[in-house]
Amino acid sequence: MNSVITHAKRLVVKVGSSLVTNAGKGLDAQAILLWAQQIAALRAQGKDVVMVSSGAIAEGMKRLGWVQRPHELPELQAAAAVGQMGLAQVYESCFREHAMQTAQVLLTHADLADRARYLNARSTLLTLLKHGVVPIINENDTVVTDEIKFGDNDTLGALVANLIEADALIILTDQPGLYTADPRKDASATLVQQAKAGDAALEQMAGGAGSSIGKGGMLTKILAAKRAAKSGAHTVIASGHESNVLVRLSQGENVGTQLIAQTEVLAARKQWLADHLQVRGQVTLDDGALRALLEQGKSLLPIGVQAVQGDFKRGEVVSCLNGDGREVARGLVNYSSSETRLILCKPSSQIEAILGFSEEPELIHRDNLVLL
């Protein structure tokens, strides 16, 4: 069983804070120099590499002389702003030693939620790779608020993998990989070497949703692998403390946990819809509409909608729910929430009579809808 990284042409490498900082006390230039050395080796093999790196807040705290991590959002944002200067400087100097240029790219959820900005971000990253530059990506902590954050850099790494249609996502952490159970509590726990990305059993192994083990830890990595698989990207979760881990993976060694993407590659537009973290509302579908969407590949018509939740405008993303409240699809809606409430359960032929106009006969056209 060889590593999926061997034949991967385009990689996203996510490194956690513990791998680029001195126990959280500022950036570890020596560690970053070693990452630069490994990435130089990958590039010599003809691979494109994008890095997603943590560490800005830790570096900012060091520069500001703060011992305790603050809790107030403005304080954290201030630390991130100061730390980003150091992050860019250290990466630039370390990568320059290996004759590589870097670019700092700060992203927010809004950059990927807005269609035009999503495409701009994609074009920028692909152009950087075309010119041999290594993008260093982080969430733009200086401007985001809790409700619009990606939540963690694992999620950001998966979304970047989707954005640039990477072949693989490598999540480097301080753990050897995913275990069948928490090895601190279960002596019989074994390392999962390979599994299918998106397998629900993996989430239970990682501690289950909302558990103290999974929260912000292995669970976010399992969910990131599931998200990355939507664009066909495989994921490897491995320890960044393993010697020369990136090079060994590229040479075929199976290090850590491999999560294989089984999902059919989505078209870029539908991929963007699937990865939309912030939906503006929900519509609940009847059984006929569910069959039309899930089995017949049809558009969503107003007559198949039973209920509407939220406040949304035309062109925004809404979730499509089944009768149990589970999300089965999402898409760009042709009518606002107030208009949808007026035309739900009605045939499309009555839209103009009810609203005084008719934008489209569909509530969500099939081309603007993706099944989940």
Protein backbone atom coordinates (compact mmCIF):
# COMPACT_ATOMS: atom_id res chain seq x y z
CA MET A 1 0.00 0.00 0.00
CA ASN A 2 1.88 3.02 -1.30
CA SER A 3 1.29 6.61 -0.28
CA VAL A 4 -1.18 8.54 -2.44
CA ILE A 5 1.30 11.43 -2.36
CA THR A 6 3.66 9.65 -4.77
CA HIS A 7 1.66 10.49 -7.88
CA ALA A 8 -0.01 13.66 -6.59
CA LYS A 9 0.91 16.66 -8.72
CA ARG A 10 -0.67 19.44 -6.64
CA LEU A 11 -0.53 19.37 -2.85
CA VAL A 12 -1.89 21.41 0.03
CA VAL A 13 0.25 21.01 3.16
CA LYS A 14 -1.27 22.19 6.44
CA VAL A 15 1.07 22.57 9.42
CA GLY A 16 -0.33 23.14 12.91
CA SER A 17 0.92 25.69 15.42
CA SER A 18 2.85 23.09 17.42
CA LEU A 19 5.01 22.37 14.35
CA VAL A 20 6.06 25.95 13.59
CA THR A 21 6.28 27.52 17.06
CA ASN A 22 8.44 27.06 20.13
CA ALA A 23 5.81 25.54 22.45
CA GLY A 24 3.53 28.39 21.44
CA LYS A 25 6.19 31.02 22.25
CA GLY A 26 6.73 32.57 18.85
CA LEU A 27 7.80 31.06 15.57
CA ASP A 28 10.48 28.37 15.32
CA ALA A 29 12.63 29.46 12.38
CA GLN A 30 14.64 26.25 12.49
CA ALA A 31 11.49 24.14 12.13
CA ILE A 32 10.24 26.28 9.24
CA LEU A 33 13.64 25.96 7.56
CA LEU A 34 13.21 22.17 7.65
CA TRP A 35 9.73 22.48 6.08
CA ALA A 36 11.23 24.66 3.37
CA GLN A 37 13.89 22.00 2.72
CA GLN A 38 11.24 19.29 2.33
CA ILE A 39 9.02 21.41 0.09
CA ALA A 40 12.02 22.20 -2.09
CA ALA A 41 12.46 18.43 -2.50
CA LEU A 42 8.79 18.04 -3.48
CA ARG A 43 9.08 20.84 -6.02
CA ALA A 44 12.17 19.17 -7.47
CA GLN A 45 9.90 16.17 -8.15
CA GLY A 46 7.60 18.45 -10.17
CA LYS A 47 4.93 18.92 -7.51
CA ASP A 48 3.08 22.18 -6.86
CA VAL A 49 2.76 22.95 -3.15
CA VAL A 50 0.54 25.35 -1.22
CA MET A 51 1.09 25.70 2.53
CA VAL A 52 -1.55 26.49 5.13
CA SER A 53 0.27 27.63 8.24
CA SER A 54 -0.77 28.54 11.74
CA GLY A 55 1.39 30.54 14.12
CA ALA A 56 0.51 34.24 13.62
CA ILE A 57 -1.16 34.75 17.01
CA ALA A 58 1.64 32.93 18.86
CA GLU A 59 4.25 35.12 17.13
CA GLY A 60 2.24 38.26 17.84
CA MET A 61 1.98 37.40 21.52
CA LYS A 62 5.76 36.96 21.68
CA ARG A 63 6.39 40.32 19.96
CA LEU A 64 3.91 42.08 22.23
CA GLY A 65 5.36 40.46 25.34
CA TRP A 66 2.11 38.68 26.27
CA VAL A 67 2.45 35.51 28.32
CA GLN A 68 -1.22 34.51 28.43
CA ARG A 69 -3.28 34.05 25.26
CA PRO A 70 -6.03 36.71 25.40
CA HIS A 71 -9.73 35.83 25.18
CA GLU A 72 -11.09 39.08 23.78
CA LEU A 73 -11.46 39.06 20.00
CA PRO A 74 -9.86 42.52 19.41
CA GLU A 75 -6.81 41.42 21.43
CA LEU A 76 -6.50 38.22 19.40
CA GLN A 77 -6.87 40.19 16.19
CA ALA A 78 -4.17 42.63 17.30
CA ALA A 79 -1.83 39.72 18.07
CA ALA A 80 -2.57 38.22 14.66
CA ALA A 81 -1.85 41.52 12.91
CA VAL A 82 1.54 41.84 14.61
CA GLY A 83 2.31 38.15 14.17
CA GLN A 84 1.54 38.08 10.45
CA MET A 85 4.53 40.37 9.91
CA GLY A 86 6.78 37.83 11.57
CA LEU A 87 5.15 34.87 9.86
CA ALA A 88 5.76 36.39 6.42
CA GLN A 89 9.34 37.36 7.29
CA VAL A 90 10.34 33.94 8.62
CA TYR A 91 8.77 32.02 5.73
CA GLU A 92 10.33 34.36 3.18
CA SER A 93 13.83 34.07 4.63
CA CYS A 94 13.67 30.30 5.18
CA PHE A 95 12.33 29.51 1.73
CA ARG A 96 14.77 31.92 0.08
CA GLU A 97 17.61 29.77 1.45
CA HIS A 98 16.27 27.03 -0.84
CA ALA A 99 15.83 29.35 -3.83
CA MET A 100 12.05 29.54 -3.49
CA GLN A 101 9.79 32.56 -3.52
CA THR A 102 6.78 32.74 -1.22
CA ALA A 103 3.57 34.76 -1.20
CA GLN A 104 1.40 35.55 1.80
CA VAL A 105 -2.29 34.93 1.16
CA LEU A 106 -4.81 35.78 3.88
CA LEU A 107 -8.31 34.42 3.38
CA THR A 108 -11.64 34.91 5.12
CA HIS A 109 -14.83 32.98 4.72
CA ALA A 110 -16.24 35.88 2.71
CA ASP A 111 -13.50 35.37 0.12
CA LEU A 112 -14.78 31.87 -0.58
CA ALA A 113 -18.47 32.56 0.04
CA ASP A 114 -18.72 35.21 -2.66
CA ARG A 115 -18.58 33.70 -6.15
CA ALA A 116 -16.50 36.49 -7.69
CA ARG A 117 -13.99 36.59 -4.82
CA TYR A 118 -13.78 32.79 -4.83
CA LEU A 119 -12.79 32.84 -8.48
CA ASN A 120 -10.34 35.69 -7.87
CA ALA A 121 -8.67 33.75 -5.04
CA ARG A 122 -8.47 30.66 -7.22
CA SER A 123 -6.94 32.58 -10.14
CA THR A 124 -4.37 34.21 -7.86
CA LEU A 125 -3.26 30.92 -6.32
CA LEU A 126 -3.03 29.12 -9.66
CA THR A 127 -1.06 32.03 -11.14
CA LEU A 128 1.37 31.95 -8.19
CA LEU A 129 1.90 28.21 -8.72
CA LYS A 130 2.39 28.77 -12.45
CA HIS A 131 5.23 31.18 -11.63
CA GLY A 132 6.85 28.77 -9.20
CA VAL A 133 5.84 30.65 -6.05
CA VAL A 134 4.83 28.83 -2.85
CA PRO A 135 1.70 30.45 -1.38
CA ILE A 136 1.63 30.57 2.43
CA ILE A 137 -2.02 30.73 3.45
CA ASN A 138 -3.61 31.62 6.76
CA GLU A 139 -7.00 32.78 7.86
CA ASN A 140 -7.15 36.57 8.01
CA ASP A 141 -7.57 36.66 11.79
CA THR A 142 -7.20 40.43 11.91
CA VAL A 143 -10.62 41.04 10.36
CA VAL A 144 -12.76 37.95 10.90
CA THR A 145 -15.27 37.53 13.70
CA ASP A 146 -16.33 34.29 15.36
CA GLU A 147 -19.44 33.86 13.27
CA ILE A 148 -17.59 34.07 9.95
CA LYS A 149 -14.42 32.16 10.86
CA PHE A 150 -13.49 28.92 9.14
CA GLY A 151 -13.08 27.66 12.69
CA ASP A 152 -9.72 25.98 12.23
CA ASN A 153 -6.95 25.67 9.68
CA ASP A 154 -7.90 22.04 8.95
CA THR A 155 -11.12 23.31 7.40
CA LEU A 156 -9.21 26.07 5.61
CA GLY A 157 -6.77 23.50 4.23
CA ALA A 158 -9.63 21.41 2.83
CA LEU A 159 -11.29 24.43 1.24
CA VAL A 160 -7.99 25.48 -0.37
CA ALA A 161 -7.61 21.91 -1.70
CA ASN A 162 -11.08 22.28 -3.25
CA LEU A 163 -10.27 25.78 -4.49
CA ILE A 164 -7.19 24.79 -6.48
CA GLU A 165 -8.38 21.23 -7.26
CA ALA A 166 -5.44 19.70 -5.41
CA ASP A 167 -4.70 16.01 -5.73
CA ALA A 168 -4.05 15.63 -2.02
CA LEU A 169 -4.20 17.38 1.34
CA ILE A 170 -1.52 16.62 3.91
CA ILE A 171 -2.51 17.55 7.47
CA LEU A 172 0.55 17.53 9.71
CA THR A 173 -0.08 17.42 13.44
CA ASP A 174 1.58 16.28 16.66
CA GLN A 175 -0.22 12.91 16.51
CA PRO A 176 0.86 9.87 14.43
CA GLY A 177 -2.55 9.74 12.76
CA LEU A 178 -6.06 8.46 13.47
CA TYR A 179 -6.44 5.63 15.97
CA THR A 180 -9.37 3.22 16.27
CA ALA A 181 -9.95 4.68 19.74
CA ASP A 182 -8.30 7.17 22.07
CA PRO A 183 -4.90 5.52 22.76
CA ARG A 184 -4.67 7.39 26.06
CA LYS A 185 -7.68 5.47 27.33
CA ASP A 186 -7.70 2.25 25.29
CA ALA A 187 -4.52 0.18 25.21
CA SER A 188 -5.88 -1.88 22.31
CA ALA A 189 -6.22 1.17 20.04
CA THR A 190 -4.39 0.79 16.73
CA LEU A 191 -3.40 3.27 14.02
CA VAL A 192 -5.74 3.41 11.05
CA GLN A 193 -3.41 3.22 8.05
CA GLN A 194 -5.99 3.59 5.30
CA ALA A 195 -9.73 4.23 5.11
CA LYS A 196 -12.36 5.86 2.93
CA ALA A 197 -12.71 9.61 3.41
CA GLY A 198 -16.21 10.41 4.64
CA ASP A 199 -16.77 7.05 6.34
CA ALA A 200 -19.01 7.84 9.33
CA ALA A 201 -17.14 5.31 11.47
CA LEU A 202 -14.05 7.54 11.34
CA GLU A 203 -15.88 10.33 13.15
CA GLN A 204 -16.67 7.96 16.01
CA MET A 205 -13.02 6.89 16.16
CA ALA A 206 -12.05 10.55 16.38
CA GLY A 207 -14.27 10.99 19.41
CA GLY A 208 -17.63 11.76 17.82
CA ALA A 209 -19.21 15.11 17.16
CA GLY A 210 -18.95 17.50 20.08
CA SER A 211 -16.75 15.30 22.22
CA SER A 212 -13.86 16.66 24.22
CA ILE A 213 -11.46 14.53 22.19
CA GLY A 214 -12.71 15.59 18.80
CA LYS A 215 -13.39 19.25 19.36
CA GLY A 216 -10.66 21.17 17.58
CA GLY A 217 -8.59 18.00 17.35
CA MET A 218 -8.72 14.82 15.28
CA LEU A 219 -12.41 15.24 14.45
CA THR A 220 -11.76 18.48 12.54
CA LYS A 221 -9.15 16.61 10.50
CA ILE A 222 -11.55 13.78 9.67
CA LEU A 223 -14.20 16.30 8.61
CA ALA A 224 -11.60 18.21 6.58
CA ALA A 225 -10.74 14.99 4.73
CA LYS A 226 -14.43 14.46 3.99
CA ARG A 227 -14.66 17.99 2.60
CA ALA A 228 -11.47 17.67 0.53
CA ALA A 229 -12.76 14.43 -0.97
CA LYS A 230 -15.62 16.35 -2.59
CA SER A 231 -13.16 17.62 -5.19
CA GLY A 232 -11.38 14.27 -5.45
CA ALA A 233 -8.49 15.13 -3.10
CA HIS A 234 -7.07 12.36 -0.91
CA THR A 235 -5.95 13.26 2.62
CA VAL A 236 -3.01 12.11 4.71
CA ILE A 237 -2.96 12.84 8.45
CA ALA A 238 0.54 12.35 9.82
CA SER A 239 2.90 13.51 12.51
CA GLY A 240 5.00 16.52 11.62
CA HIS A 241 7.57 15.27 14.11
CA GLU A 242 8.36 12.32 11.83
CA SER A 243 11.74 12.86 10.21
CA ASN A 244 11.47 14.09 6.59
CA VAL A 245 7.79 13.13 6.54
CA LEU A 246 6.86 14.98 3.33
CA VAL A 247 9.71 13.47 1.33
CA ARG A 248 9.01 9.98 2.66
CA LEU A 249 5.35 10.31 1.68
CA SER A 250 6.31 11.47 -1.80
CA GLN A 251 8.61 8.46 -2.13
CA GLY A 252 5.70 6.11 -1.46
CA GLU A 253 6.14 5.39 2.23
CA ASN A 254 2.80 5.01 4.00
CA VAL A 255 3.17 7.32 7.01
CA GLY A 256 0.20 8.15 9.24
CA THR A 257 -3.40 7.71 8.09
CA GLN A 258 -4.46 7.80 4.44
CA LEU A 259 -8.07 8.76 3.75
CA ILE A 260 -8.96 7.96 0.16
CA ALA A 261 -11.40 10.10 -1.81
CA GLN A 262 -14.15 8.02 -3.37
CA THR A 263 -16.42 10.89 -4.35
CA GLU A 264 -16.93 11.72 -7.98
CA VAL A 265 -15.21 15.00 -8.77
CA LEU A 266 -17.73 17.83 -8.74
CA ALA A 267 -17.82 20.57 -11.34
CA ALA A 268 -16.11 23.69 -10.00
CA ARG A 269 -19.35 25.64 -9.59
CA LYS A 270 -21.09 22.85 -7.72
CA GLN A 271 -17.99 22.26 -5.62
CA TRP A 272 -18.15 25.89 -4.55
CA LEU A 273 -21.78 25.45 -3.55
CA ALA A 274 -21.01 22.28 -1.60
CA ASP A 275 -18.29 24.07 0.34
CA HIS A 276 -20.40 27.10 1.18
CA LEU A 277 -20.18 27.20 4.96
CA GLN A 278 -22.72 30.00 5.41
CA VAL A 279 -26.13 29.22 3.98
CA ARG A 280 -28.73 31.96 4.26
CA GLY A 281 -31.80 29.83 4.83
CA GLN A 282 -33.47 26.45 4.48
CA VAL A 283 -36.33 24.99 2.48
CA THR A 284 -38.02 21.73 3.49
CA LEU A 285 -38.99 19.46 0.58
CA ASP A 286 -41.83 16.99 0.18
CA ASP A 287 -41.25 13.40 -0.91
CA GLY A 288 -41.94 14.16 -4.57
CA ALA A 289 -39.35 16.93 -4.68
CA LEU A 290 -36.81 14.72 -2.92
CA ARG A 291 -37.27 12.00 -5.54
CA ALA A 292 -36.99 14.57 -8.34
CA LEU A 293 -33.69 15.87 -6.95
CA LEU A 294 -32.07 12.69 -5.65
CA GLU A 295 -33.24 10.11 -8.18
CA GLN A 296 -34.18 11.98 -11.34
CA GLY A 297 -31.60 14.79 -11.40
CA LYS A 298 -34.22 17.51 -11.78
CA SER A 299 -34.46 21.12 -10.62
CA LEU A 300 -36.34 22.17 -7.49
CA LEU A 301 -39.77 23.65 -8.22
CA PRO A 302 -41.82 25.75 -5.76
CA ILE A 303 -44.56 23.13 -5.65
CA GLY A 304 -42.22 20.71 -3.88
CA VAL A 305 -41.38 23.07 -1.00
CA GLN A 306 -43.30 22.63 2.24
CA ALA A 307 -41.65 25.22 4.49
CA VAL A 308 -39.13 28.08 4.44
CA GLN A 309 -36.72 29.17 7.17
CA GLY A 310 -34.41 32.17 7.31
CA ASP A 311 -34.14 35.46 5.47
CA PHE A 312 -32.43 35.27 2.09
CA LYS A 313 -32.23 37.17 -1.17
CA ARG A 314 -32.30 35.98 -4.77
CA GLY A 315 -28.94 34.44 -5.69
CA GLU A 316 -27.99 33.42 -2.14
CA VAL A 317 -27.30 29.87 -1.03
CA VAL A 318 -30.00 27.87 0.76
CA SER A 319 -30.07 24.35 2.18
CA CYS A 320 -32.62 21.81 1.02
CA LEU A 321 -33.84 19.62 3.88
CA ASN A 322 -35.78 16.39 3.97
CA GLY A 323 -38.69 15.79 6.34
CA ASP A 324 -36.29 14.81 9.15
CA GLY A 325 -34.41 18.10 8.85
CA ARG A 326 -31.32 16.57 7.25
CA GLU A 327 -29.59 18.60 4.55
CA VAL A 328 -29.67 16.75 1.21
CA ALA A 329 -28.68 19.54 -1.17
CA ARG A 330 -27.91 23.24 -1.43
CA GLY A 331 -28.07 25.76 -4.22
CA LEU A 332 -28.51 29.30 -5.46
CA VAL A 333 -32.13 30.32 -5.03
CA ASN A 334 -34.05 32.26 -7.71
CA TYR A 335 -36.48 33.94 -5.30
CA SER A 336 -36.15 35.70 -1.94
CA SER A 337 -37.43 34.12 1.26
CA SER A 338 -40.53 36.32 1.32
CA GLU A 339 -41.31 35.47 -2.30
CA THR A 340 -40.65 31.78 -1.70
CA ARG A 341 -43.13 31.76 1.17
CA LEU A 342 -45.80 33.08 -1.21
CA ILE A 343 -45.19 30.53 -3.97
CA LEU A 344 -44.36 27.38 -1.98
CA CYS A 345 -46.66 24.42 -2.72
CA LYS A 346 -47.80 26.25 -5.87
CA PRO A 347 -47.22 25.19 -9.50
CA SER A 348 -44.72 27.29 -11.44
CA SER A 349 -47.47 28.44 -13.79
CA GLN A 350 -48.93 30.51 -10.92
CA ILE A 351 -45.72 32.37 -9.98
CA GLU A 352 -46.42 35.44 -12.10
CA ALA A 353 -50.04 35.70 -10.91
CA ILE A 354 -48.94 35.49 -7.27
CA LEU A 355 -45.82 37.72 -7.37
CA GLY A 356 -46.64 39.95 -10.33
CA PHE A 357 -43.51 38.72 -12.13
CA SER A 358 -41.68 35.49 -12.87
CA GLU A 359 -37.89 35.24 -12.70
CA GLU A 360 -37.63 31.50 -13.39
CA PRO A 361 -40.01 28.54 -13.25
CA GLU A 362 -37.57 26.80 -10.87
CA LEU A 363 -36.87 27.79 -7.30
CA ILE A 364 -33.36 26.34 -7.73
CA HIS A 365 -32.15 25.30 -11.17
CA ARG A 366 -30.34 21.99 -11.42
CA ASP A 367 -27.19 23.74 -12.72
CA ASN A 368 -27.07 25.76 -9.49
CA LEU A 369 -27.75 22.86 -7.13
CA VAL A 370 -25.49 20.23 -5.62
CA LEU A 371 -26.47 17.06 -3.76
CA LEU A 372 -24.73 16.40 -0.45
